[in-house]
Amino acid sequence: MSSILVVEDDDAIAQLERDYLHMSGFEVDIASDGPSGLEAALHGGYELVILDVMLPGMDGFEVCRCLREVTDVPIVMVTARREDMDKIRGLGMGADDYVEKPFSPSVLVARVRAHLSRYERLTGSAGKRSVVTLGDLELDTAARRLRVRGEEVDLKNREYELLEFLMLHPDVVFSREQLYERVWGMDALGDSATVAVHVNRLREKIEESPSFPRHILTVWGAGYRLMP
């Protein structure tokens, strides 16, 4: 049974999330402020964190940033704020998904299931080592490690998944919507603008000049293509 941490200062919302997740077979703990949520997430062995943005003591953005320094467990951020910059900020700090209040509890559970399933597939596979090399990019799909121009580069979960997909389909143009569906797996539930955020983060890590990329190219009006 998967264990989930809910970091939420609104007791009614926290209880609602816990009840629905319990009914779906998950173990759930609740933290009501940023510092206690961070402490629990770091030491509780949870497999997914549902993280509110507006928290006392330390906001959700800072909690997310601190967690991403030491763990790749899925983080789903929840907020009542609708500004795109908040979404971009959260995703830029390593969040895997974003849910706006008010939300359908069943949709939240669906997203939790999808992220857990994807994380388990990525971390639980122990098959034969396979290395994909394109130019100066070398991706070890078994160890989930990337080397760029001979140097190992750290990737967050979603960055890795996006790059792996593109490297396995070189010189093919994919729209943002197609990439979101293939990599995130929740086409009907999310926002394809997430793809642009992650492409920019990847460019910062793999391109010699992120402003003039030669690996992940933008095909205007169509999407993105990884050059072989």
Protein backbone atom coordinates (compact mmCIF):
# COMPACT_ATOMS: atom_id res chain seq x y z
CA MET A 1 0.00 0.00 0.00
CA SER A 2 1.47 3.35 -1.06
CA SER A 3 1.99 6.02 1.60
CA ILE A 4 1.16 9.65 0.85
CA LEU A 5 1.85 12.85 2.75
CA VAL A 6 -0.68 15.68 2.54
CA VAL A 7 0.74 19.08 3.52
CA GLU A 8 -2.31 21.34 3.92
CA ASP A 9 -3.22 23.93 6.57
CA ASP A 10 -6.96 23.89 5.83
CA ASP A 11 -8.19 21.04 8.00
CA ALA A 12 -11.40 20.48 6.00
CA ILE A 13 -9.50 20.13 2.73
CA ALA A 14 -6.85 17.93 4.32
CA GLN A 15 -9.50 15.60 5.75
CA LEU A 16 -11.31 15.45 2.40
CA GLU A 17 -8.10 14.52 0.60
CA ARG A 18 -7.26 11.91 3.23
CA ASP A 19 -10.73 10.35 3.13
CA TYR A 20 -10.75 9.96 -0.65
CA LEU A 21 -7.22 8.63 -0.73
CA HIS A 22 -8.03 6.20 2.09
CA MET A 23 -11.05 4.94 0.16
CA SER A 24 -8.73 4.35 -2.79
CA GLY A 25 -6.40 2.20 -0.72
CA PHE A 26 -3.64 4.65 0.21
CA GLU A 27 -2.07 5.29 3.60
CA VAL A 28 -2.17 9.01 4.34
CA ASP A 29 -0.54 11.31 6.90
CA ILE A 30 -1.21 15.03 7.26
CA ALA A 31 1.09 17.94 8.11
CA SER A 32 -0.45 21.36 8.65
CA ASP A 33 2.47 23.74 8.03
CA GLY A 34 5.55 24.05 5.87
CA PRO A 35 8.31 23.15 8.36
CA SER A 36 6.56 20.06 9.74
CA GLY A 37 5.61 19.02 6.21
CA LEU A 38 9.21 19.27 5.04
CA GLU A 39 10.45 17.31 8.04
CA ALA A 40 7.87 14.57 7.50
CA ALA A 41 8.53 14.38 3.76
CA LEU A 42 12.28 14.09 4.30
CA HIS A 43 12.12 11.36 6.90
CA GLY A 44 8.75 9.61 6.53
CA GLY A 45 9.51 7.45 3.51
CA TYR A 46 6.46 8.65 1.58
CA GLU A 47 5.96 7.71 -2.06
CA LEU A 48 4.14 10.92 -3.03
CA VAL A 49 3.60 14.37 -1.52
CA ILE A 50 0.49 16.51 -2.02
CA LEU A 51 1.66 20.03 -1.23
CA ASP A 52 -0.41 23.17 -0.74
CA VAL A 53 1.20 26.41 -1.91
CA MET A 54 0.04 28.76 0.85
CA LEU A 55 1.34 27.31 4.12
CA PRO A 56 2.30 28.86 7.47
CA GLY A 57 5.97 28.88 8.41
CA MET A 58 7.28 28.04 4.92
CA ASP A 59 5.35 28.18 1.67
CA GLY A 60 4.90 25.24 -0.66
CA PHE A 61 7.39 26.57 -3.20
CA GLU A 62 10.19 26.54 -0.63
CA VAL A 63 9.18 23.10 0.66
CA CYS A 64 9.23 21.80 -2.92
CA ARG A 65 12.65 23.32 -3.57
CA CYS A 66 14.11 21.75 -0.43
CA LEU A 67 12.64 18.35 -1.24
CA ARG A 68 13.97 18.37 -4.78
CA GLU A 69 17.50 18.79 -3.44
CA VAL A 70 17.35 15.31 -1.92
CA THR A 71 14.48 13.27 -3.40
CA ASP A 72 12.67 12.60 -6.67
CA VAL A 73 9.37 11.38 -5.21
CA PRO A 74 6.36 12.80 -7.08
CA ILE A 75 5.08 16.17 -5.80
CA VAL A 76 1.57 17.37 -6.65
CA MET A 77 1.03 21.02 -5.71
CA VAL A 78 -2.42 22.32 -4.77
CA THR A 79 -3.43 25.97 -4.78
CA ALA A 80 -6.39 28.30 -4.90
CA ARG A 81 -4.36 30.77 -6.97
CA ARG A 82 -4.80 30.66 -10.74
CA GLU A 83 -1.88 32.75 -11.95
CA ASP A 84 0.23 31.03 -14.62
CA MET A 85 3.39 32.39 -13.00
CA ASP A 86 2.60 30.39 -9.85
CA LYS A 87 2.35 27.22 -11.94
CA ILE A 88 5.57 27.99 -13.76
CA ARG A 89 7.33 28.73 -10.48
CA GLY A 90 6.17 25.48 -8.89
CA LEU A 91 7.05 23.39 -11.93
CA GLY A 92 10.38 25.16 -12.19
CA MET A 93 11.18 24.07 -8.64
CA GLY A 94 10.52 20.46 -9.52
CA ALA A 95 6.82 19.84 -8.91
CA ASP A 96 5.38 17.09 -11.11
CA ASP A 97 1.84 18.40 -11.33
CA TYR A 98 -0.46 21.24 -10.32
CA VAL A 99 -4.10 21.08 -9.12
CA GLU A 100 -6.28 24.16 -8.65
CA LYS A 101 -8.84 24.54 -5.86
CA PRO A 102 -11.68 23.79 -5.93
CA PHE A 103 -10.85 20.41 -7.38
CA SER A 104 -12.68 17.13 -7.82
CA PRO A 105 -11.36 14.61 -5.28
CA SER A 106 -11.70 11.87 -7.89
CA VAL A 107 -9.47 13.85 -10.27
CA LEU A 108 -6.88 14.28 -7.52
CA VAL A 109 -6.93 10.52 -6.86
CA ALA A 110 -6.54 9.84 -10.60
CA ARG A 111 -3.50 12.08 -10.78
CA VAL A 112 -2.00 10.47 -7.69
CA ARG A 113 -2.44 7.01 -9.20
CA ALA A 114 -0.89 8.10 -12.49
CA HIS A 115 2.17 9.66 -10.85
CA LEU A 116 2.72 6.70 -8.53
CA SER A 117 2.42 4.25 -11.40
CA ARG A 118 4.89 6.18 -13.51
CA TYR A 119 7.34 6.58 -10.62
CA GLU A 120 7.18 2.87 -9.81
CA ARG A 121 7.87 1.95 -13.43
CA LEU A 122 10.85 4.28 -13.55
CA THR A 123 12.44 3.27 -10.26
CA GLY A 124 11.40 -0.40 -10.13
CA SER A 125 12.77 -1.53 -13.47
CA ALA A 126 15.95 -3.61 -13.25
CA GLY A 127 16.33 -4.93 -16.75
CA LYS A 128 19.27 -5.00 -19.07
CA ARG A 129 21.37 -1.87 -19.29
CA SER A 130 20.71 0.13 -22.41
CA VAL A 131 22.59 3.24 -23.52
CA VAL A 132 21.17 5.66 -26.09
CA THR A 133 23.71 8.00 -27.67
CA LEU A 134 22.85 10.98 -29.85
CA GLY A 135 25.70 13.37 -30.59
CA ASP A 136 27.20 14.45 -27.29
CA LEU A 137 24.22 13.11 -25.30
CA GLU A 138 24.57 9.68 -23.69
CA LEU A 139 21.54 8.33 -21.82
CA ASP A 140 21.73 5.20 -19.68
CA THR A 141 18.08 4.14 -19.53
CA ALA A 142 18.63 1.43 -16.90
CA ALA A 143 20.50 3.65 -14.45
CA ARG A 144 18.55 6.74 -15.55
CA ARG A 145 21.75 8.74 -15.93
CA LEU A 146 22.69 11.33 -18.52
CA ARG A 147 26.15 12.35 -19.66
CA VAL A 148 26.55 15.50 -21.72
CA ARG A 149 29.90 16.00 -23.42
CA GLY A 150 31.31 13.39 -21.06
CA GLU A 151 30.02 15.01 -17.85
CA GLU A 152 27.18 13.53 -15.79
CA VAL A 153 24.16 15.85 -15.56
CA ASP A 154 21.49 15.51 -12.88
CA LEU A 155 17.91 15.35 -14.16
CA LYS A 156 14.67 15.44 -12.22
CA ASN A 157 12.13 12.70 -12.91
CA ARG A 158 10.04 14.53 -15.47
CA GLU A 159 13.07 16.07 -17.18
CA TYR A 160 14.50 12.58 -17.61
CA GLU A 161 11.24 11.15 -18.98
CA LEU A 162 10.88 13.97 -21.50
CA LEU A 163 14.48 13.70 -22.70
CA GLU A 164 14.32 9.91 -22.90
CA PHE A 165 11.17 10.08 -25.02
CA LEU A 166 12.73 12.63 -27.39
CA MET A 167 15.99 10.68 -27.65
CA LEU A 168 14.09 7.52 -28.50
CA HIS A 169 12.28 9.43 -31.28
CA PRO A 170 14.99 11.63 -32.85
CA ASP A 171 14.15 14.04 -35.66
CA VAL A 172 10.40 13.66 -35.08
CA VAL A 173 8.30 16.75 -34.39
CA PHE A 174 5.90 16.45 -31.44
CA SER A 175 3.39 19.09 -30.40
CA ARG A 176 3.22 20.19 -26.76
CA GLU A 177 -0.06 18.32 -26.44
CA GLN A 178 1.45 15.10 -27.82
CA LEU A 179 4.44 15.32 -25.50
CA TYR A 180 2.20 15.97 -22.51
CA GLU A 181 0.07 12.94 -23.36
CA ARG A 182 3.06 10.65 -24.00
CA VAL A 183 5.23 11.75 -21.07
CA TRP A 184 2.77 12.90 -18.42
CA GLY A 185 0.09 10.42 -19.44
CA MET A 186 -2.82 12.62 -18.32
CA ASP A 187 -3.74 14.50 -21.47
CA ALA A 188 -7.27 15.39 -20.36
CA LEU A 189 -6.32 16.50 -16.85
CA GLY A 190 -3.37 18.81 -17.24
CA ASP A 191 -1.89 21.81 -18.97
CA SER A 192 0.41 21.32 -21.96
CA ALA A 193 2.21 24.57 -21.05
CA THR A 194 4.04 22.35 -18.56
CA VAL A 195 5.99 20.94 -21.51
CA ALA A 196 7.50 24.33 -22.38
CA VAL A 197 8.67 24.77 -18.79
CA HIS A 198 10.43 21.41 -18.82
CA VAL A 199 11.94 21.97 -22.27
CA ASN A 200 13.49 25.21 -20.99
CA ARG A 201 14.86 23.42 -17.93
CA LEU A 202 16.35 20.70 -20.12
CA ARG A 203 17.96 23.25 -22.40
CA GLU A 204 19.62 24.89 -19.41
CA LYS A 205 21.19 21.53 -18.56
CA ILE A 206 22.16 20.07 -21.93
CA GLU A 207 22.74 22.95 -24.31
CA GLU A 208 26.05 24.81 -24.58
CA SER A 209 23.97 27.92 -25.34
CA PRO A 210 20.37 27.52 -24.10
CA SER A 211 19.32 30.64 -26.03
CA PHE A 212 20.52 29.02 -29.26
CA PRO A 213 19.75 25.31 -28.76
CA ARG A 214 21.06 22.70 -31.15
CA HIS A 215 19.57 19.63 -29.46
CA ILE A 216 15.94 20.43 -28.62
CA LEU A 217 14.67 22.67 -31.38
CA THR A 218 11.41 24.62 -31.47
CA VAL A 219 9.47 24.05 -34.67
CA TRP A 220 7.30 27.16 -34.74
CA GLY A 221 3.61 26.40 -34.89
CA ALA A 222 4.25 22.66 -34.58
CA GLY A 223 6.17 21.74 -31.43
CA TYR A 224 9.63 20.40 -30.61
CA ARG A 225 12.17 18.12 -32.26
CA LEU A 226 15.35 16.54 -30.92
CA MET A 227 18.13 16.75 -33.48
CA PRO A 228 20.12 13.51 -33.89
